[in-house]
Protein backbone atom coordinates (compact mmCIF):
# COMPACT_ATOMS: atom_id res chain seq x y z
CA UNK A 1 -46.19 12.47 11.03
CA UNK A 2 -43.22 13.94 9.32
CA UNK A 3 -40.78 11.95 11.64
CA UNK A 4 -42.78 8.89 11.27
CA UNK A 5 -43.60 8.59 7.61
CA UNK A 6 -42.22 11.27 5.49
CA UNK A 7 -38.70 11.23 6.42
CA UNK A 8 -37.77 7.74 5.12
CA UNK A 9 -38.65 8.42 1.53
CA UNK A 10 -36.70 11.68 1.78
CA UNK A 11 -33.62 9.69 3.22
CA UNK A 12 -34.20 7.06 0.38
CA UNK A 13 -34.10 9.81 -2.37
CA UNK A 14 -30.92 11.29 -0.95
CA UNK A 15 -29.38 7.92 -0.85
CA UNK A 16 -30.34 7.35 -4.60
CA UNK A 17 -28.89 10.67 -5.44
CA UNK A 18 -25.54 9.93 -3.81
CA UNK A 19 -25.42 6.39 -5.55
CA UNK A 20 -26.22 8.18 -8.99
CA UNK A 21 -23.46 10.65 -8.27
CA UNK A 22 -20.92 7.78 -7.32
CA UNK A 23 -21.71 5.82 -10.45
CA UNK A 24 -21.35 8.81 -12.50
CA UNK A 25 -17.86 9.51 -10.87
CA UNK A 26 -16.84 5.99 -11.39
CA UNK A 27 -17.70 6.15 -15.10
CA UNK A 28 -15.67 9.29 -15.69
CA UNK A 29 -12.78 7.88 -13.76
CA UNK A 30 -12.72 4.57 -15.75
CA UNK A 31 -13.07 6.60 -19.03
CA UNK A 32 -9.98 8.91 -18.38
CA UNK A 33 -7.95 6.75 -15.98
CA UNK A 34 -5.00 6.60 -18.60
CA UNK A 35 -4.77 10.32 -18.47
CA UNK A 36 -5.68 10.70 -14.95
CA UNK A 37 -2.90 8.36 -13.53
CA UNK A 38 0.13 10.57 -14.33
CA UNK A 39 -1.66 13.70 -13.02
CA UNK A 40 -2.58 11.93 -9.71
CA UNK A 41 0.85 10.30 -9.43
CA UNK A 42 2.56 13.64 -9.88
CA UNK A 43 0.23 15.18 -7.28
CA UNK A 44 1.05 12.44 -4.86
CA UNK A 45 4.72 12.70 -5.44
CA UNK A 46 4.46 16.58 -4.84
CA UNK A 47 2.40 16.01 -1.61
CA UNK A 48 5.14 13.57 -0.39
CA UNK A 49 8.01 15.70 -1.31
CA UNK A 50 6.60 19.10 -0.12
CA UNK A 51 8.03 18.94 3.47
CA UNK A 52 11.42 18.08 2.38
CA UNK A 53 11.33 21.03 -0.18
CA UNK A 54 10.18 23.21 2.53
CA UNK A 55 13.08 22.28 4.65
CA UNK A 56 15.45 23.18 2.01
CA UNK A 57 13.62 26.38 1.42
CA UNK A 58 13.77 27.16 5.25
CA UNK A 59 17.61 26.87 4.93
CA UNK A 60 18.06 29.50 2.40
CA UNK A 61 17.92 27.49 -0.94
CA UNK A 62 15.49 28.51 -3.47
CA UNK A 63 12.43 26.29 -3.92
CA UNK A 64 13.14 25.66 -7.49
CA UNK A 65 16.56 24.42 -6.64
CA UNK A 66 15.21 21.95 -3.97
CA UNK A 67 12.67 20.65 -6.38
CA UNK A 68 15.20 20.10 -9.15
CA UNK A 69 17.44 18.25 -6.68
CA UNK A 70 14.77 15.83 -5.65
CA UNK A 71 13.71 15.36 -9.44
CA UNK A 72 17.31 14.56 -10.18
CA UNK A 73 17.47 11.99 -7.29
CA UNK A 74 14.21 10.52 -8.75
CA UNK A 75 15.68 10.15 -12.19
CA UNK A 76 18.76 8.58 -10.83
CA UNK A 77 16.67 6.07 -9.08
CA UNK A 78 14.67 5.29 -12.22
CA UNK A 79 17.99 4.86 -14.21
CA UNK A 80 19.44 2.34 -11.69
CA UNK A 81 16.21 0.36 -11.93
CA UNK A 82 16.13 0.33 -15.67
CA UNK A 83 19.75 -0.39 -16.10
CA UNK A 84 20.72 -2.50 -13.12
CA UNK A 85 17.81 -3.68 -10.98
CA UNK A 86 15.38 -4.96 -13.51
CA UNK A 87 17.88 -6.87 -15.80
CA UNK A 88 19.51 -8.56 -12.68
CA UNK A 89 16.06 -9.60 -11.19
CA UNK A 90 14.72 -10.77 -14.49
CA UNK A 91 17.77 -12.93 -14.90
CA UNK A 92 17.49 -14.25 -11.45
CA UNK A 93 13.86 -15.27 -11.94
CA UNK A 94 14.75 -16.95 -15.24
CA UNK A 95 17.47 -18.83 -13.40
CA UNK A 96 15.08 -20.04 -10.73
CA UNK A 97 12.41 -21.08 -13.21
CA UNK A 98 14.94 -22.97 -15.43
CA UNK A 99 16.56 -24.58 -12.33
CA UNK A 100 13.47 -26.07 -11.09
CA UNK A 101 14.73 -29.72 -12.09
CA UNK A 102 18.07 -29.03 -10.42
CA UNK A 103 16.31 -27.55 -7.34
CA UNK A 104 14.33 -30.93 -7.04
CA UNK A 105 17.40 -33.13 -7.45
CA UNK A 106 19.24 -30.96 -4.85
CA UNK A 107 16.45 -31.14 -2.41
CA UNK A 108 16.31 -34.85 -2.69
CA UNK A 109 19.96 -35.81 -3.06
CA UNK A 110 21.81 -33.11 -1.23
CA UNK A 111 19.63 -30.96 1.10
CA UNK A 112 17.99 -33.80 3.01
CA UNK A 113 21.02 -35.80 3.46
CA UNK A 114 22.80 -32.72 4.45
CA UNK A 115 20.37 -31.90 7.10
CA UNK A 116 20.36 -35.40 8.35
CA UNK A 117 24.22 -35.50 8.50
CA UNK A 118 24.55 -32.18 10.36
CA UNK A 119 21.62 -32.29 12.73
CA UNK A 120 21.32 -35.98 13.58
CA UNK A 121 17.67 -35.69 12.25
CA UNK A 122 16.44 -38.58 10.24
CA UNK A 123 13.86 -37.39 7.65
CA UNK A 124 10.86 -39.87 7.49
CA UNK A 125 11.01 -42.10 4.37
CA UNK A 126 7.89 -40.48 3.16
CA UNK A 127 9.47 -37.11 2.71
CA UNK A 128 11.91 -38.43 0.00
CA UNK A 129 9.01 -40.51 -1.45
CA UNK A 130 6.97 -37.22 -1.49
CA UNK A 131 9.73 -35.39 -3.36
CA UNK A 132 10.10 -38.12 -5.97
CA UNK A 133 6.46 -38.39 -6.35
CA UNK A 134 5.76 -34.84 -6.75
CA UNK A 135 9.01 -33.84 -8.58
CA UNK A 136 7.50 -34.07 -12.16
CA UNK A 137 4.31 -32.33 -11.02
CA UNK A 138 6.18 -29.32 -9.61
CA UNK A 139 8.41 -29.20 -12.61
CA UNK A 140 5.49 -28.93 -14.78
CA UNK A 141 3.33 -26.57 -12.67
CA UNK A 142 5.84 -24.01 -11.33
CA UNK A 143 6.68 -22.28 -14.72
CA UNK A 144 2.98 -22.28 -15.45
CA UNK A 145 2.24 -20.66 -12.08
CA UNK A 146 5.03 -18.01 -12.61
CA UNK A 147 3.49 -17.38 -16.14
CA UNK A 148 0.09 -16.87 -14.78
CA UNK A 149 1.31 -14.58 -12.08
CA UNK A 150 3.29 -12.57 -14.82
CA UNK A 151 -0.01 -12.63 -16.95
CA UNK A 152 -1.93 -11.26 -13.97
CA UNK A 153 0.53 -8.35 -13.56
CA UNK A 154 0.36 -7.81 -17.29
CA UNK A 155 -3.49 -7.46 -17.20
CA UNK A 156 -3.18 -5.01 -14.33
CA UNK A 157 -0.72 -2.92 -16.32
CA UNK A 158 -2.99 -3.09 -19.33
CA UNK A 159 -6.21 -2.17 -17.25
CA UNK A 160 -4.46 1.04 -16.17
CA UNK A 161 -3.75 2.06 -19.79
CA UNK A 162 -0.82 0.99 -21.84
CA UNK A 163 0.25 4.70 -22.13
CA UNK A 164 1.49 4.63 -18.63
CA UNK A 165 4.57 3.14 -19.96
CA UNK A 166 4.79 5.55 -23.02
CA UNK A 167 7.34 8.27 -23.41
CA UNK A 168 4.58 10.96 -22.95
CA UNK A 169 3.71 9.94 -19.52
CA UNK A 170 7.48 9.44 -18.59
CA UNK A 171 7.97 13.08 -19.59
CA UNK A 172 4.84 14.52 -18.20
CA UNK A 173 5.19 12.94 -14.63
CA UNK A 174 8.27 15.03 -13.71
CA UNK A 175 6.79 18.11 -15.36
CA UNK A 176 3.58 17.92 -13.34
CA UNK A 177 5.44 17.15 -10.22
CA UNK A 178 7.64 20.13 -10.69
CA UNK A 179 4.73 22.57 -11.12
CA UNK A 180 2.57 20.95 -8.45
CA UNK A 181 5.59 21.29 -6.19
CA UNK A 182 6.38 24.88 -6.94
CA UNK A 183 2.62 26.01 -6.36
CA UNK A 184 1.87 23.38 -3.56
CA UNK A 185 1.54 25.72 -0.63
CA UNK A 186 -0.49 28.20 -2.65
CA UNK A 187 -2.84 25.50 -3.80
CA UNK A 188 -3.23 24.31 -0.17
CA UNK A 189 -3.99 27.94 1.18
CA UNK A 190 -6.40 28.49 -1.75
CA UNK A 191 -8.41 25.31 -0.92
CA UNK A 192 -8.86 26.44 2.76
CA UNK A 193 -10.71 29.52 1.68
CA UNK A 194 -13.35 27.33 -0.12
CA UNK A 195 -14.19 25.14 2.93
CA UNK A 196 -17.49 26.11 4.76
CA UNK A 197 -16.87 28.67 7.32
CA UNK A 198 -19.23 27.19 10.02
CA UNK A 199 -17.48 23.76 9.76
CA UNK A 200 -13.93 24.90 8.80
CA UNK A 201 -12.28 24.09 12.20
CA UNK A 202 -13.85 20.63 12.10
CA UNK A 203 -12.68 19.94 8.59
CA UNK A 204 -9.26 21.25 9.21
CA UNK A 205 -8.75 18.89 12.04
CA UNK A 206 -9.85 15.90 10.15
CA UNK A 207 -7.67 17.05 7.20
CA UNK A 208 -4.62 17.17 9.71
CA UNK A 209 -5.49 13.67 10.88
CA UNK A 210 -5.69 12.38 7.31
CA UNK A 211 -2.33 13.92 6.66
CA UNK A 212 -1.07 12.08 9.68
CA UNK A 213 -2.60 8.83 8.86
CA UNK A 214 -1.55 8.70 5.22
CA UNK A 215 1.23 11.41 4.67
CA UNK A 216 3.29 11.30 7.67
CA UNK A 217 2.95 7.46 7.98
CA UNK A 218 3.71 7.04 4.29
CA UNK A 219 6.81 9.13 4.41
CA UNK A 220 7.81 7.22 7.39
CA UNK A 221 7.40 3.95 5.57
CA UNK A 222 9.55 5.29 2.56
CA UNK A 223 12.31 6.08 5.04
CA UNK A 224 12.12 2.66 6.70
CA UNK A 225 12.14 1.04 3.21
CA UNK A 226 15.21 2.85 1.99
CA UNK A 227 17.09 1.93 5.25
CA UNK A 228 15.97 -1.70 4.84
CA UNK A 229 16.97 -1.75 1.17
CA UNK A 230 20.58 -0.66 2.21
CA UNK A 231 20.80 -3.35 5.02
CA UNK A 232 19.44 -6.16 2.93
CA UNK A 233 21.78 -5.23 -0.11
CA UNK A 234 24.84 -5.02 2.31
CA UNK A 235 24.00 -8.30 4.03
CA UNK A 236 23.16 -10.30 0.78
CA UNK A 237 26.11 -8.75 -1.01
CA UNK A 238 28.52 -10.06 1.57
CA UNK A 239 26.80 -13.35 1.63
CA UNK A 240 26.77 -13.98 -2.10
CA UNK A 241 30.14 -12.43 -2.48
CA UNK A 242 31.78 -14.79 0.07
CA UNK A 243 30.01 -17.85 -1.15
CA UNK A 244 30.77 -17.32 -4.88
CA UNK A 245 27.24 -16.78 -6.09
CA UNK A 246 28.06 -12.99 -6.87
CA UNK A 247 27.51 -9.74 -4.80
CA UNK A 248 25.58 -8.20 -7.79
CA UNK A 249 22.83 -10.53 -7.36
CA UNK A 250 22.72 -9.86 -3.62
CA UNK A 251 22.58 -6.09 -4.05
CA UNK A 252 19.62 -6.34 -6.54
CA UNK A 253 17.79 -8.67 -4.33
CA UNK A 254 18.47 -6.59 -1.33
CA UNK A 255 17.34 -3.36 -2.94
CA UNK A 256 14.15 -4.91 -4.27
CA UNK A 257 13.13 -6.49 -0.98
CA UNK A 258 13.82 -3.18 0.91
CA UNK A 259 11.65 -1.00 -1.30
CA UNK A 260 8.83 -3.56 -1.73
CA UNK A 261 8.66 -3.31 2.08
CA UNK A 262 6.55 -0.29 1.62
CA UNK A 263 3.78 -2.86 1.26
CA UNK A 264 3.84 -4.84 4.49
CA UNK A 265 5.48 -8.24 4.36
CA UNK A 266 5.77 -8.23 0.54
CA UNK A 267 9.30 -7.20 0.30
CA UNK A 268 10.41 -9.68 3.01
CA UNK A 269 8.46 -12.64 1.40
CA UNK A 270 9.79 -11.95 -2.26
CA UNK A 271 13.30 -11.11 -1.23
CA UNK A 272 13.74 -14.01 1.23
CA UNK A 273 12.23 -16.56 -1.13
CA UNK A 274 14.09 -15.46 -4.16
CA UNK A 275 17.61 -15.41 -2.42
CA UNK A 276 16.88 -18.64 -0.82
CA UNK A 277 15.91 -20.34 -4.01
CA UNK A 278 19.04 -18.83 -5.72
CA UNK A 279 21.19 -20.25 -2.83
CA UNK A 280 19.41 -23.67 -2.98
CA UNK A 281 19.93 -23.99 -6.83
CA UNK A 282 23.68 -23.16 -6.49
CA UNK A 283 23.67 -25.33 -3.43
CA UNK A 284 25.68 -23.21 -1.02
CA UNK A 285 24.70 -24.19 2.49
CA UNK A 286 26.75 -21.23 3.74
CA UNK A 287 24.67 -18.92 1.47
CA UNK A 288 21.53 -20.42 2.75
CA UNK A 289 22.55 -19.86 6.36
CA UNK A 290 23.72 -16.30 5.40
CA UNK A 291 20.34 -15.53 3.87
CA UNK A 292 18.57 -16.66 6.78
CA UNK A 293 20.68 -14.58 9.16
CA UNK A 294 20.54 -11.51 7.04
CA UNK A 295 16.77 -11.47 6.95
CA UNK A 296 16.41 -12.43 10.55
CA UNK A 297 18.89 -9.68 11.71
CA UNK A 298 17.37 -7.00 9.47
CA UNK A 299 13.69 -7.97 10.53
CA UNK A 300 14.73 -7.72 13.96
CA UNK A 301 16.26 -4.35 13.63
CA UNK A 302 13.15 -3.18 11.60
CA UNK A 303 10.60 -4.25 14.27
CA UNK A 304 12.38 -3.12 17.37
CA UNK A 305 14.79 -0.29 16.29
CA UNK A 306 14.11 1.38 12.90
CA UNK A 307 10.22 1.49 12.63
CA UNK A 308 9.88 2.65 16.39
CA UNK A 309 12.25 5.39 15.90
CA UNK A 310 11.20 6.72 12.49
CA UNK A 311 7.26 6.03 12.41
CA UNK A 312 7.10 6.07 16.07
CA UNK A 313 3.63 6.26 17.61
CA UNK A 314 2.01 7.70 14.46
CA UNK A 315 -1.67 6.54 13.93
CA UNK A 316 -1.25 4.99 10.53
CA UNK A 317 -2.80 2.20 8.59
CA UNK A 318 -2.56 -1.46 9.87
CA UNK A 319 -0.64 -3.89 7.63
CA UNK A 320 -3.86 -5.88 7.00
CA UNK A 321 -5.74 -2.68 5.95
CA UNK A 322 -2.82 -1.64 3.61
CA UNK A 323 -2.94 -5.13 1.83
CA UNK A 324 -6.67 -5.27 1.50
CA UNK A 325 -6.87 -1.72 0.21
CA UNK A 326 -4.24 -2.32 -2.45
CA UNK A 327 -5.85 -5.60 -3.46
CA UNK A 328 -9.28 -4.06 -3.78
CA UNK A 329 -7.91 -0.96 -5.49
CA UNK A 330 -5.89 -2.94 -8.06
CA UNK A 331 -8.92 -5.22 -8.79
CA UNK A 332 -11.29 -2.25 -9.31
CA UNK A 333 -9.17 0.29 -11.21
CA UNK A 334 -5.88 -1.37 -11.98
CA UNK A 335 -2.71 0.87 -11.30
CA UNK A 336 -4.81 3.74 -10.82
CA UNK A 337 -6.76 1.90 -7.99
CA UNK A 338 -3.53 0.97 -6.36
CA UNK A 339 -2.47 4.69 -6.50
CA UNK A 340 -5.74 5.78 -4.93
CA UNK A 341 -6.00 2.94 -2.38
CA UNK A 342 -3.96 4.33 0.48
CA UNK A 343 -5.38 7.89 0.48
CA UNK A 344 -8.99 6.47 0.25
CA UNK A 345 -8.18 4.16 3.14
CA UNK A 346 -6.68 7.07 5.17
CA UNK A 347 -9.81 8.99 4.65
CA UNK A 348 -12.12 6.17 5.68
CA UNK A 349 -9.75 5.46 8.70
CA UNK A 350 -10.34 9.22 9.85
CA UNK A 351 -13.98 9.51 9.10
CA UNK A 352 -15.04 6.14 10.33
CA UNK A 353 -15.33 7.03 13.99
CA UNK A 354 -17.33 10.13 13.14
CA UNK A 355 -19.67 8.05 10.94
CA UNK A 356 -20.14 5.42 13.68
CA UNK A 357 -20.69 8.03 16.31
CA UNK A 358 -23.35 9.65 14.23
CA UNK A 359 -24.97 6.40 13.64
CA UNK A 360 -25.02 5.49 17.46
CA UNK A 361 -26.72 8.88 18.07
CA UNK A 362 -29.29 8.33 15.35
CA UNK A 363 -32.92 7.48 15.86
CA UNK A 364 -32.46 4.39 13.75
CA UNK A 365 -29.94 3.12 16.39
CA UNK A 366 -31.69 4.36 19.54
CA UNK A 367 -35.19 3.92 18.45
CA UNK A 368 -36.43 7.15 19.79
CA UNK A 369 -38.21 9.44 17.42
CA UNK A 370 -37.53 13.04 17.81
CA UNK A 371 -40.38 15.36 18.81
CA UNK A 372 -40.70 18.68 17.14
CA UNK A 373 -41.16 21.91 18.98
CA UNK A 374 -44.56 22.46 17.52
CA UNK A 375 -45.85 19.07 18.84
CA UNK A 376 -44.40 19.73 22.33
CA UNK A 377 -46.20 23.24 22.36
CA UNK A 378 -49.69 21.66 21.33
CA UNK A 379 -49.38 18.95 24.08
CA UNK A 380 -48.73 21.69 26.75
CA UNK A 381 -51.59 23.75 25.54
CA UNK A 382 -54.08 21.30 24.94
CA UNK A 383 -56.90 21.15 27.38
CA UNK A 384 -57.07 18.26 29.86
CA UNK A 385 -59.47 15.42 29.04
CA UNK A 386 -62.64 15.70 31.02
CA UNK A 387 -63.17 13.04 33.62
CA UNK A 388 -66.21 10.93 33.34
CA UNK A 389 -68.91 11.49 35.71
CA UNK A 390 -68.60 9.28 38.72
CA UNK A 391 -71.24 6.51 38.88
CA UNK A 392 -73.90 6.56 41.61
């Protein structure tokens, strides 16, 4: 009777309790997300940098010196972004927005005739008509589209809490990171002692796999992004320097495209699109060709040489999963959701096979109700039913 009737209300009660706990946790996170963001970001940085600090420590350097070295590198990177990368990219985006009329004129009067003259391909008359017809529409809509995209990013930033950009958080993030890194190994070993003893090997194996899915894969992606940033910056600096656009713009776009490559395809799309638009506005066919060659060569190296050698066969997150997780996290919790998206996706990636296996072995899936030992004993000891007397 228990298996057939009583266990279902019990399961529903447990599900209701879990739902209440999740709602309560959600409320707490949204209430303190502005304070929680720098703490979790510092913890994530400590988690990613811990293997590198351990490497320095194994070679005779003090742990404090290794931590300070990486914090200095991080401060240098932030300074380069604020003093060089951000102003240059902002100027290039304004140039593209203000150059929309010039872009349409170039496309209609120079680009199409140049393609026809150099390739022998005659563009259909409807193409020129299409450019002329929609020129005013594009000129009116593109700035609005860029403004709406900027507003969306601003809303995302506001939802995460305006204090993220405040001086307090900028100071507290490296401070938190320093202390988390200094005590990271101690914290990790202390947490192991609180795992249930009877399930400790199983949990440690899942944690190891989570580290492989999220940690090792994410560190590999950062290494790949740094290499791509250097290659993009070199190729675009040469291209823009030779064609007269300016190597500074090429370096800025290349660095941005490389580091944005942590999000699959995002860096390529942004970098290639922006550099191509800048080349078309200045109408440098050689620069257009150089941009195409640079991105084609670097993408080929990334797909066949760089990523296989650095990331290798690590079981990580697929690009589609990364993009979906970041979009969902940003929609739910803003920047805090983006920060938590990949760790949560990695946990789901590791535990999902166990959940599916438990589901396939459950009575709900198989349809077989389990028999208790008491029922089986009663069935064995029960007297056999009497046979009815035979009819004469």
